[in-house]
Amino acid sequence: MEIRDYNGSGQMRVLSIVAPGMYGEMTKPYLLDWIDGQGLDFPILLDEGGNVTEQFGVYAYPSSFLFNAESVQVRNWVGTPDETRLREAIAKQVADDGGDVSSLPAAAGTGTAAKTTGTEGGSMYLGETKEIYFAGGCFWGVEDYFALMPGVVDVTCGYAQGHVENPTYEQVCSHTTGHAETVHVTYYPSIISLTTLCKQFFMIIDPLSVNKQGNDVSDQYRTGIYYVDEADLPVIQAVFESEQGKYEHPIVTELEPLRCYYLAEDYHQDYLVKNPDGYCHVNFATLSEVRTEQQLAMEAAGSLDPGRYVKPSDSQLRESLTDEQYRVTQRGYTEEAFVNDYWDFFEPGLYVGIVTGEPLFSSSDKFRSKCGWPSFCKPISEDVLVERLDLQLASPRTEVRSRVGDSHLGHVFTDGPAELGGLRYCIDSAALEFIPYDSMEARGYADLMPLCEAASAD
């Protein structure tokens, strides 16, 4: 694995690891275009199968790593590898090694807007980042919790809302500073909304508890949301009102404009990444409730709602389908390899069931398997397929059928590319209809367009 020098210094090397489509990470087409748009001068490792977890101690994606001249890992952190965070990590390591921090190269002025694949043949921008501050008890777990969310760029630990400048942890613990342990969250609102962030925050705190969260008791462990943009206040208030409806007693969580925020000591930053068995009062299982803006749009539009699709009668199917389409979908017939419509076809778009029009597969998840039939690493949603044991041949196989139409689609095997998850959905072309990307909106699949923006022939 090549790890190039950072700014050619020969002293520090940096590597970032991302996992397309895993744990809320952007899909591969988004990630590749985003990386290309950043102009970064260090390597990005695409860990598509999650295989480097043990080697590098990755507990979340993306993660960044700093290596010394002997290629020994000296620092790591959870988050997008923005230049500010890199320079901060390098400066801390240089200082720890007794070096001269003032000799480091000046910042290149990297912006905060990320580039990603667009829908009109060019590109679009995710937009500028925004920030919000959460006090939720011990900041170790709160920091790690928000760092694991899609769309969150960076999270830091610090002290907020007190009256002592640049306090130490010991001073904060003396209960004389008025500060609350707080995390600073920087995020892309185009990926994850402030409403979602605030709702998730309430999932990990007890909003009725005064100066106590988990096992920690003190004014520094009080809860609060502190904003810097007045336009955010109505959004946060709406979440507060919704949460208050769940309780008989008043919520004691503070809602205030940010007065001050000071970074906590270095050993507090990314504490649970450095100390995986460290104390934490946060319930990370609630991360399963997180919905990105893309997911919310899909759910609102309902293209994956089975109620939108109806299986025609057998007489209607005999009339609307070709003989081969009928034999494949209704009789479990397997079409001939290498002479079907989509085995060697890699245009961007959506594959739907020929019987009902229900979305089944995305072109972004299609790969060249050389088996003679269309091959996909996964369905557009696990809910749209039904698997059954097939004993028709000497060796048992797993048949794949559509959810609404109950159509035979093909089989799923475990000999797919490891970097794509290891599965190969071997599907008959006759069971599918391809909707070109440019036609998806007109056909009523606009909410699924972000999942079909690029075809993968490799």
Protein backbone atom coordinates (compact mmCIF):
# COMPACT_ATOMS: atom_id res chain seq x y z
CA MET A 1 0.00 0.00 0.00
CA GLU A 2 1.51 3.31 -1.04
CA ILE A 3 1.29 6.13 1.47
CA ARG A 4 2.67 9.33 -0.04
CA ASP A 5 4.38 12.06 1.94
CA TYR A 6 2.12 14.86 3.14
CA ASN A 7 3.30 18.00 1.29
CA GLY A 8 6.48 16.09 0.44
CA SER A 9 7.92 16.60 3.91
CA GLY A 10 9.16 13.03 4.23
CA GLN A 11 8.32 13.18 7.93
CA MET A 12 4.56 12.73 8.14
CA ARG A 13 2.28 10.59 6.01
CA VAL A 14 -1.48 10.52 6.04
CA LEU A 15 -4.04 8.01 4.85
CA SER A 16 -7.82 8.13 4.94
CA ILE A 17 -10.05 5.07 4.77
CA VAL A 18 -13.61 5.21 3.44
CA ALA A 19 -16.13 2.42 2.92
CA PRO A 20 -18.62 3.19 0.12
CA GLY A 21 -22.17 2.38 1.10
CA MET A 22 -21.28 0.98 4.53
CA TYR A 23 -22.42 2.40 7.88
CA GLY A 24 -24.07 5.40 6.29
CA GLU A 25 -21.09 6.31 4.12
CA MET A 26 -21.81 7.77 0.67
CA THR A 27 -22.08 5.34 -2.23
CA LYS A 28 -19.02 4.74 -4.39
CA PRO A 29 -20.03 7.13 -7.24
CA TYR A 30 -20.60 9.94 -4.74
CA LEU A 31 -17.35 9.24 -2.90
CA LEU A 32 -15.16 9.04 -5.98
CA ASP A 33 -16.45 12.34 -7.33
CA TRP A 34 -16.25 13.97 -3.90
CA ILE A 35 -12.62 12.90 -3.50
CA ASP A 36 -11.81 14.13 -7.00
CA GLY A 37 -13.34 17.51 -6.21
CA GLN A 38 -11.29 18.03 -3.05
CA GLY A 39 -7.87 18.20 -4.70
CA LEU A 40 -6.35 16.27 -1.79
CA ASP A 41 -2.66 15.40 -1.89
CA PHE A 42 -2.85 12.20 0.12
CA PRO A 43 -4.24 8.74 -0.70
CA ILE A 44 -7.77 7.56 0.03
CA LEU A 45 -8.22 3.83 0.60
CA LEU A 46 -11.58 2.50 -0.58
CA ASP A 47 -12.36 -0.31 1.84
CA GLU A 48 -15.43 -1.57 0.03
CA GLY A 49 -15.72 -4.81 1.97
CA GLY A 50 -14.73 -3.54 5.41
CA ASN A 51 -11.60 -5.72 5.34
CA VAL A 52 -9.07 -3.36 6.95
CA THR A 53 -10.88 -2.93 10.25
CA GLU A 54 -8.48 -5.10 12.26
CA GLN A 55 -5.34 -3.88 10.51
CA PHE A 56 -5.91 -0.20 11.21
CA GLY A 57 -8.33 -0.36 14.13
CA VAL A 58 -11.10 1.37 12.21
CA TYR A 59 -14.22 1.71 14.32
CA ALA A 60 -16.10 4.04 11.99
CA TYR A 61 -15.96 5.32 8.45
CA PRO A 62 -14.44 7.57 7.29
CA SER A 63 -11.33 7.38 9.45
CA SER A 64 -8.00 9.15 9.00
CA PHE A 65 -4.52 8.04 10.07
CA LEU A 66 -1.20 9.79 10.55
CA PHE A 67 2.07 7.87 10.14
CA ASN A 68 5.59 8.89 11.08
CA ALA A 69 8.69 8.52 8.90
CA GLU A 70 9.01 4.85 9.93
CA SER A 71 5.41 4.19 8.76
CA VAL A 72 4.25 3.69 12.34
CA GLN A 73 0.71 4.84 13.03
CA VAL A 74 0.89 7.69 15.54
CA ARG A 75 -2.58 9.25 15.41
CA ASN A 76 -6.01 8.47 14.08
CA TRP A 77 -9.41 10.11 14.22
CA VAL A 78 -12.94 9.62 12.97
CA GLY A 79 -14.03 12.02 10.29
CA THR A 80 -13.66 13.39 6.81
CA PRO A 81 -10.01 14.19 6.03
CA ASP A 82 -10.32 17.96 5.73
CA GLU A 83 -7.14 20.01 5.65
CA THR A 84 -7.81 21.76 8.95
CA ARG A 85 -8.06 18.50 10.87
CA LEU A 86 -4.97 17.12 9.15
CA ARG A 87 -2.85 20.13 9.97
CA GLU A 88 -4.06 20.07 13.55
CA ALA A 89 -3.09 16.39 13.91
CA ILE A 90 0.30 16.95 12.25
CA ALA A 91 1.01 19.99 14.41
CA LYS A 92 0.18 18.05 17.58
CA GLN A 93 2.42 15.17 16.56
CA VAL A 94 5.30 17.49 15.60
CA ALA A 95 4.96 19.19 18.99
CA ASP A 96 4.88 15.83 20.79
CA ASP A 97 8.06 14.86 18.95
CA GLY A 98 9.74 18.08 20.05
CA GLY A 99 9.67 19.62 16.58
CA ASP A 100 9.14 23.21 15.46
CA VAL A 101 5.45 23.70 14.66
CA SER A 102 6.15 27.09 13.05
CA SER A 103 8.07 25.35 10.27
CA LEU A 104 4.98 23.56 8.96
CA PRO A 105 3.69 24.65 5.51
CA ALA A 106 0.97 27.28 5.39
CA ALA A 107 -2.60 26.19 4.77
CA ALA A 108 -3.70 25.94 1.16
CA GLY A 109 -7.12 27.39 1.87
CA THR A 110 -9.25 24.35 1.11
CA GLY A 111 -12.95 25.24 1.08
CA THR A 112 -15.73 23.46 2.91
CA ALA A 113 -17.98 22.65 -0.04
CA ALA A 114 -17.85 19.04 -1.18
CA LYS A 115 -18.41 17.97 -4.76
CA THR A 116 -20.50 14.98 -5.74
CA THR A 117 -22.10 13.43 -8.79
CA GLY A 118 -24.85 15.55 -10.31
CA THR A 119 -27.98 14.81 -12.31
CA GLU A 120 -27.47 16.97 -15.39
CA GLY A 121 -24.27 15.64 -16.89
CA GLY A 122 -22.15 17.96 -14.74
CA SER A 123 -21.84 18.21 -11.01
CA MET A 124 -23.62 19.66 -8.04
CA TYR A 125 -22.35 20.73 -4.65
CA LEU A 126 -23.40 19.44 -1.29
CA GLY A 127 -23.23 23.03 -0.13
CA GLU A 128 -21.46 24.68 2.76
CA THR A 129 -21.28 23.02 6.13
CA LYS A 130 -23.20 24.22 9.19
CA GLU A 131 -22.53 23.83 12.89
CA ILE A 132 -24.43 23.09 16.07
CA TYR A 133 -23.40 22.38 19.67
CA PHE A 134 -24.75 19.61 21.91
CA ALA A 135 -24.22 19.15 25.66
CA GLY A 136 -25.30 15.64 26.58
CA GLY A 137 -23.34 14.58 29.63
CA CYS A 138 -19.85 13.10 29.30
CA PHE A 139 -18.67 14.31 25.90
CA TRP A 140 -16.68 11.19 25.03
CA GLY A 141 -19.69 9.17 23.96
CA VAL A 142 -21.62 12.11 22.53
CA GLU A 143 -18.68 12.97 20.28
CA ASP A 144 -18.33 9.41 19.00
CA TYR A 145 -22.09 9.10 18.48
CA PHE A 146 -22.37 12.10 16.18
CA ALA A 147 -19.10 11.25 14.40
CA LEU A 148 -20.74 8.03 13.19
CA MET A 149 -23.61 9.81 11.45
CA PRO A 150 -23.68 10.28 7.66
CA GLY A 151 -23.18 13.88 6.63
CA VAL A 152 -21.25 14.82 9.76
CA VAL A 153 -17.88 16.28 8.76
CA ASP A 154 -16.24 16.72 12.13
CA VAL A 155 -16.95 16.59 15.87
CA THR A 156 -14.83 18.03 18.66
CA CYS A 157 -15.08 18.00 22.46
CA GLY A 158 -15.03 21.21 24.44
CA TYR A 159 -16.46 23.39 27.19
CA ALA A 160 -19.32 25.80 26.52
CA GLN A 161 -21.51 28.48 28.11
CA GLY A 162 -19.24 29.17 31.11
CA HIS A 163 -17.56 32.33 32.36
CA VAL A 164 -13.92 31.22 32.50
CA GLU A 165 -11.77 31.56 29.39
CA ASN A 166 -9.86 28.51 28.16
CA PRO A 167 -10.65 26.37 31.20
CA THR A 168 -8.83 23.16 32.02
CA TYR A 169 -10.70 19.94 32.68
CA GLU A 170 -9.74 20.19 36.32
CA GLN A 171 -11.25 23.68 36.53
CA VAL A 172 -14.47 22.51 34.89
CA CYS A 173 -14.66 19.63 37.36
CA SER A 174 -14.35 22.09 40.25
CA HIS A 175 -17.88 23.39 39.47
CA THR A 176 -16.66 26.99 39.44
CA THR A 177 -16.56 27.72 35.69
CA GLY A 178 -20.21 27.30 34.66
CA HIS A 179 -19.14 25.30 31.61
CA ALA A 180 -20.93 22.25 30.23
CA GLU A 181 -19.14 19.41 28.46
CA THR A 182 -20.19 20.05 24.87
CA VAL A 183 -19.50 18.73 21.38
CA HIS A 184 -19.20 20.90 18.30
CA VAL A 185 -20.79 19.20 15.29
CA THR A 186 -20.01 20.30 11.73
CA TYR A 187 -22.30 18.77 9.13
CA TYR A 188 -23.69 18.96 5.60
CA PRO A 189 -27.40 19.89 5.85
CA SER A 190 -27.88 18.52 2.32
CA ILE A 191 -27.08 15.06 3.69
CA ILE A 192 -28.40 15.22 7.25
CA SER A 193 -30.76 17.85 8.61
CA LEU A 194 -30.59 19.81 11.84
CA THR A 195 -33.94 18.29 12.75
CA THR A 196 -32.51 14.79 12.45
CA LEU A 197 -29.43 15.71 14.49
CA CYS A 198 -31.56 17.19 17.27
CA LYS A 199 -33.96 14.24 17.31
CA GLN A 200 -31.04 11.83 17.59
CA PHE A 201 -29.61 13.93 20.41
CA PHE A 202 -32.78 13.49 22.44
CA MET A 203 -32.48 9.72 21.94
CA ILE A 204 -29.24 9.59 23.95
CA ILE A 205 -30.10 11.91 26.86
CA ASP A 206 -32.61 12.09 29.69
CA PRO A 207 -34.10 15.57 29.12
CA LEU A 208 -35.77 15.57 32.55
CA SER A 209 -32.55 15.00 34.48
CA VAL A 210 -30.92 18.06 36.08
CA ASN A 211 -27.10 18.06 36.03
CA LYS A 212 -26.95 14.29 35.60
CA GLN A 213 -26.53 11.92 32.66
CA GLY A 214 -25.63 8.28 33.07
CA ASN A 215 -23.35 7.85 36.08
CA ASP A 216 -22.10 11.44 35.95
CA VAL A 217 -23.45 14.07 38.34
CA SER A 218 -22.42 17.73 38.12
CA ASP A 219 -23.39 21.00 36.43
CA GLN A 220 -20.87 20.20 33.70
CA TYR A 221 -23.08 17.25 32.69
CA ARG A 222 -26.24 19.29 32.13
CA THR A 223 -27.89 18.97 28.72
CA GLY A 224 -28.32 21.68 26.12
CA ILE A 225 -28.42 22.65 22.47
CA TYR A 226 -26.52 25.81 21.60
CA TYR A 227 -26.89 27.44 18.19
CA VAL A 228 -24.93 30.05 16.24
CA ASP A 229 -27.43 30.75 13.46
CA GLU A 230 -30.69 32.45 14.49
CA ALA A 231 -32.40 30.76 11.55
CA ASP A 232 -31.82 27.44 13.34
CA LEU A 233 -33.84 28.42 16.39
CA PRO A 234 -37.34 27.68 14.99
CA VAL A 235 -36.12 24.29 13.75
CA ILE A 236 -34.72 23.36 17.16
CA GLN A 237 -37.80 24.72 18.96
CA ALA A 238 -40.01 22.45 16.86
CA VAL A 239 -37.99 19.44 18.01
CA PHE A 240 -38.21 20.61 21.63
CA GLU A 241 -41.99 20.93 21.36
CA SER A 242 -42.24 17.45 19.87
CA GLU A 243 -40.10 15.98 22.65
CA GLN A 244 -42.00 17.83 25.37
CA GLY A 245 -45.16 16.09 24.22
CA LYS A 246 -43.68 12.80 25.40
CA TYR A 247 -43.39 13.91 29.04
CA GLU A 248 -45.63 15.20 31.81
CA HIS A 249 -42.84 17.22 33.43
CA PRO A 250 -40.96 20.09 31.74
CA ILE A 251 -37.81 19.35 29.78
CA VAL A 252 -34.76 20.86 31.49
CA THR A 253 -32.47 20.73 28.46
CA GLU A 254 -31.13 24.21 27.71
CA LEU A 255 -31.81 25.93 24.39
CA GLU A 256 -29.59 28.97 24.03
CA PRO A 257 -27.42 30.84 21.54
CA LEU A 258 -23.78 29.82 21.91
CA ARG A 259 -21.92 32.26 24.17
CA CYS A 260 -18.51 30.61 24.12
CA TYR A 261 -16.80 27.33 23.32
CA TYR A 262 -13.27 26.22 24.17
CA LEU A 263 -11.64 23.02 22.89
CA ALA A 264 -10.97 20.40 25.52
CA GLU A 265 -7.55 18.88 26.01
CA ASP A 266 -6.18 16.62 23.27
CA TYR A 267 -6.66 13.42 25.25
CA HIS A 268 -10.42 14.07 25.28
CA GLN A 269 -10.61 14.30 21.47
CA ASP A 270 -11.68 11.02 19.81
CA TYR A 271 -11.41 9.41 23.23
CA LEU A 272 -13.45 6.31 22.44
CA VAL A 273 -11.54 5.76 19.20
CA LYS A 274 -8.31 5.77 21.19
CA ASN A 275 -9.89 3.83 24.06
CA PRO A 276 -12.62 1.53 22.65
CA ASP A 277 -13.41 0.14 26.11
CA GLY A 278 -13.64 3.57 27.71
CA TYR A 279 -16.63 4.75 29.75
CA CYS A 280 -19.68 5.74 27.73
CA HIS A 281 -23.29 6.37 28.74
CA VAL A 282 -24.60 6.69 25.17
CA ASN A 283 -26.87 4.10 23.53
CA PHE A 284 -25.35 3.66 20.08
CA ALA A 285 -28.17 1.35 19.00
CA THR A 286 -30.27 4.46 18.33
CA LEU A 287 -28.02 5.21 15.33
CA SER A 288 -30.21 2.76 13.43
CA GLU A 289 -32.91 5.46 13.51
CA VAL A 290 -30.80 7.95 11.56
CA ARG A 291 -32.23 8.91 8.19
CA THR A 292 -30.35 10.97 5.63
CA GLU A 293 -32.16 13.57 3.57
CA GLN A 294 -31.97 11.20 0.62
CA GLN A 295 -33.57 8.40 2.61
CA LEU A 296 -36.27 10.70 3.95
CA ALA A 297 -37.07 11.86 0.43
CA MET A 298 -37.30 8.28 -0.75
CA GLU A 299 -39.57 7.32 2.12
CA ALA A 300 -41.77 10.37 1.55
CA ALA A 301 -42.07 9.70 -2.16
CA GLY A 302 -42.78 6.06 -1.50
CA SER A 303 -41.27 4.44 -4.61
CA LEU A 304 -40.40 1.45 -2.46
CA ASP A 305 -43.89 1.24 -0.97
CA PRO A 306 -45.28 -2.16 -2.04
CA GLY A 307 -48.78 -0.68 -2.03
CA ARG A 308 -47.93 1.21 -5.23
CA TYR A 309 -47.60 -1.98 -7.26
CA VAL A 310 -50.14 -4.61 -8.32
CA LYS A 311 -49.63 -7.98 -9.98
CA PRO A 312 -51.87 -8.35 -13.06
CA SER A 313 -54.00 -11.43 -13.57
CA ASP A 314 -52.54 -14.44 -15.37
CA SER A 315 -54.57 -13.68 -18.49
CA GLN A 316 -53.27 -10.11 -18.50
CA LEU A 317 -49.70 -11.33 -18.10
CA ARG A 318 -50.01 -13.76 -21.02
CA GLU A 319 -51.16 -10.83 -23.13
CA SER A 320 -48.59 -8.24 -21.96
CA LEU A 321 -45.45 -10.39 -21.65
CA THR A 322 -43.44 -12.11 -24.32
CA ASP A 323 -43.36 -15.91 -24.20
CA GLU A 324 -39.88 -15.88 -22.67
CA GLN A 325 -40.78 -13.23 -20.08
CA TYR A 326 -43.78 -15.30 -19.05
CA ARG A 327 -41.80 -18.55 -18.84
CA VAL A 328 -39.05 -16.92 -16.77
CA THR A 329 -41.21 -14.97 -14.31
CA GLN A 330 -44.18 -17.33 -13.97
CA ARG A 331 -42.66 -20.76 -14.61
CA GLY A 332 -39.13 -20.34 -13.24
CA TYR A 333 -37.47 -20.81 -16.64
CA THR A 334 -33.82 -19.71 -17.06
CA GLU A 335 -33.03 -17.77 -20.22
CA GLU A 336 -29.99 -18.51 -22.35
CA ALA A 337 -26.69 -16.95 -21.27
CA PHE A 338 -24.89 -14.27 -23.32
CA VAL A 339 -27.82 -13.64 -25.68
CA ASN A 340 -30.15 -11.79 -23.29
CA ASP A 341 -30.73 -8.03 -23.18
CA TYR A 342 -28.77 -6.86 -20.13
CA TRP A 343 -25.87 -9.28 -19.53
CA ASP A 344 -23.35 -6.84 -21.05
CA PHE A 345 -25.30 -3.61 -20.56
CA PHE A 346 -24.03 -0.89 -18.18
CA GLU A 347 -25.96 2.32 -18.75
CA PRO A 348 -27.06 4.33 -15.68
CA GLY A 349 -30.61 3.70 -14.62
CA LEU A 350 -33.03 1.52 -12.69
CA TYR A 351 -34.02 -2.11 -13.16
CA VAL A 352 -37.65 -2.83 -12.24
CA GLY A 353 -39.74 -5.99 -12.32
CA ILE A 354 -41.23 -6.61 -15.76
CA VAL A 355 -44.49 -7.76 -14.16
CA THR A 356 -45.24 -4.95 -11.68
CA GLY A 357 -42.70 -2.17 -12.25
CA GLU A 358 -41.46 -2.49 -8.65
CA PRO A 359 -37.84 -1.21 -8.27
CA LEU A 360 -35.38 -4.07 -7.87
CA PHE A 361 -31.80 -3.15 -8.79
CA SER A 362 -29.67 -0.09 -9.49
CA SER A 363 -27.12 0.25 -12.27
CA SER A 364 -24.66 1.45 -9.60
CA ASP A 365 -24.70 -2.05 -8.10
CA LYS A 366 -24.25 -3.92 -11.40
CA PHE A 367 -20.92 -5.53 -12.22
CA ARG A 368 -19.40 -7.62 -15.01
CA SER A 369 -19.38 -11.22 -13.82
CA LYS A 370 -18.78 -12.97 -17.18
CA CYS A 371 -21.49 -15.49 -16.35
CA GLY A 372 -23.70 -14.38 -19.23
CA TRP A 373 -26.52 -12.91 -17.15
CA PRO A 374 -26.96 -9.52 -15.44
CA SER A 375 -25.15 -9.55 -12.08
CA PHE A 376 -25.73 -7.23 -9.13
CA CYS A 377 -23.99 -7.04 -5.75
CA LYS A 378 -27.21 -6.11 -3.93
CA PRO A 379 -30.85 -5.14 -4.51
CA ILE A 380 -32.00 -1.54 -4.26
CA SER A 381 -33.53 -2.54 -0.93
CA GLU A 382 -33.52 -5.86 0.89
CA ASP A 383 -37.29 -5.55 1.27
CA VAL A 384 -38.04 -5.89 -2.45
CA LEU A 385 -36.76 -9.47 -2.77
CA VAL A 386 -37.88 -12.81 -1.37
CA GLU A 387 -35.44 -15.71 -1.13
CA ARG A 388 -36.42 -19.38 -1.33
CA LEU A 389 -34.49 -22.65 -1.21
CA ASP A 390 -34.24 -24.20 -4.69
CA LEU A 391 -33.65 -27.98 -4.78
CA GLN A 392 -34.23 -28.55 -8.50
CA LEU A 393 -30.53 -29.24 -9.19
CA ALA A 394 -28.12 -31.57 -7.44
CA SER A 395 -26.72 -28.71 -5.35
CA PRO A 396 -29.14 -26.53 -3.37
CA ARG A 397 -29.43 -22.94 -4.56
CA THR A 398 -31.13 -19.80 -3.29
CA GLU A 399 -33.85 -18.57 -5.60
CA VAL A 400 -34.65 -14.86 -5.75
CA ARG A 401 -38.24 -13.70 -6.34
CA SER A 402 -39.84 -10.27 -6.41
CA ARG A 403 -41.85 -9.12 -3.42
CA VAL A 404 -45.10 -7.92 -5.00
CA GLY A 405 -45.20 -9.82 -8.28
CA ASP A 406 -43.82 -13.09 -6.84
CA SER A 407 -41.88 -13.36 -10.09
CA HIS A 408 -38.93 -15.69 -10.47
CA LEU A 409 -35.91 -13.41 -11.02
CA GLY A 410 -32.88 -15.70 -10.76
CA HIS A 411 -30.58 -16.86 -7.97
CA VAL A 412 -28.13 -15.34 -5.50
CA PHE A 413 -24.66 -16.83 -5.01
CA THR A 414 -21.78 -16.13 -2.65
CA ASP A 415 -19.07 -15.92 -5.32
CA GLY A 416 -19.41 -12.19 -5.97
CA PRO A 417 -16.52 -9.70 -5.65
CA ALA A 418 -15.37 -9.52 -2.03
CA GLU A 419 -14.91 -5.75 -2.30
CA LEU A 420 -18.61 -5.41 -3.18
CA GLY A 421 -19.85 -7.59 -0.35
CA GLY A 422 -19.32 -11.07 -1.79
CA LEU A 423 -22.80 -11.67 -3.25
CA ARG A 424 -23.80 -12.17 -6.89
CA TYR A 425 -27.45 -11.73 -7.75
CA CYS A 426 -27.63 -13.59 -11.05
CA ILE A 427 -30.83 -12.29 -12.66
CA ASP A 428 -32.64 -13.13 -15.88
CA SER A 429 -32.92 -10.16 -18.24
CA ALA A 430 -36.42 -11.32 -19.17
CA ALA A 431 -37.56 -10.63 -15.60
CA LEU A 432 -36.45 -7.01 -15.78
CA GLU A 433 -37.32 -3.73 -17.44
CA PHE A 434 -34.59 -1.12 -17.61
CA ILE A 435 -35.57 2.52 -16.94
CA PRO A 436 -32.86 4.87 -18.30
CA TYR A 437 -31.65 7.42 -15.79
CA ASP A 438 -32.98 10.33 -17.87
CA SER A 439 -36.45 8.73 -17.91
CA MET A 440 -36.73 7.88 -14.22
CA GLU A 441 -38.39 11.13 -13.17
CA ALA A 442 -41.02 10.90 -15.91
CA ARG A 443 -41.69 7.27 -14.98
CA GLY A 444 -42.24 8.13 -11.29
CA TYR A 445 -38.91 7.00 -9.85
CA ALA A 446 -37.32 10.41 -9.20
CA ASP A 447 -36.66 9.62 -5.53
CA LEU A 448 -34.38 6.74 -6.55
CA MET A 449 -32.28 8.76 -8.98
CA PRO A 450 -29.46 9.43 -6.46
CA LEU A 451 -28.94 5.66 -6.23
CA CYS A 452 -28.62 5.19 -9.99
CA GLU A 453 -26.32 7.99 -11.09
CA ALA A 454 -23.50 5.83 -12.35
CA ALA A 455 -23.05 2.44 -13.84
CA SER A 456 -20.21 0.15 -12.77
CA ALA A 457 -18.89 -2.22 -15.42
CA ASP A 458 -15.87 -3.36 -13.43
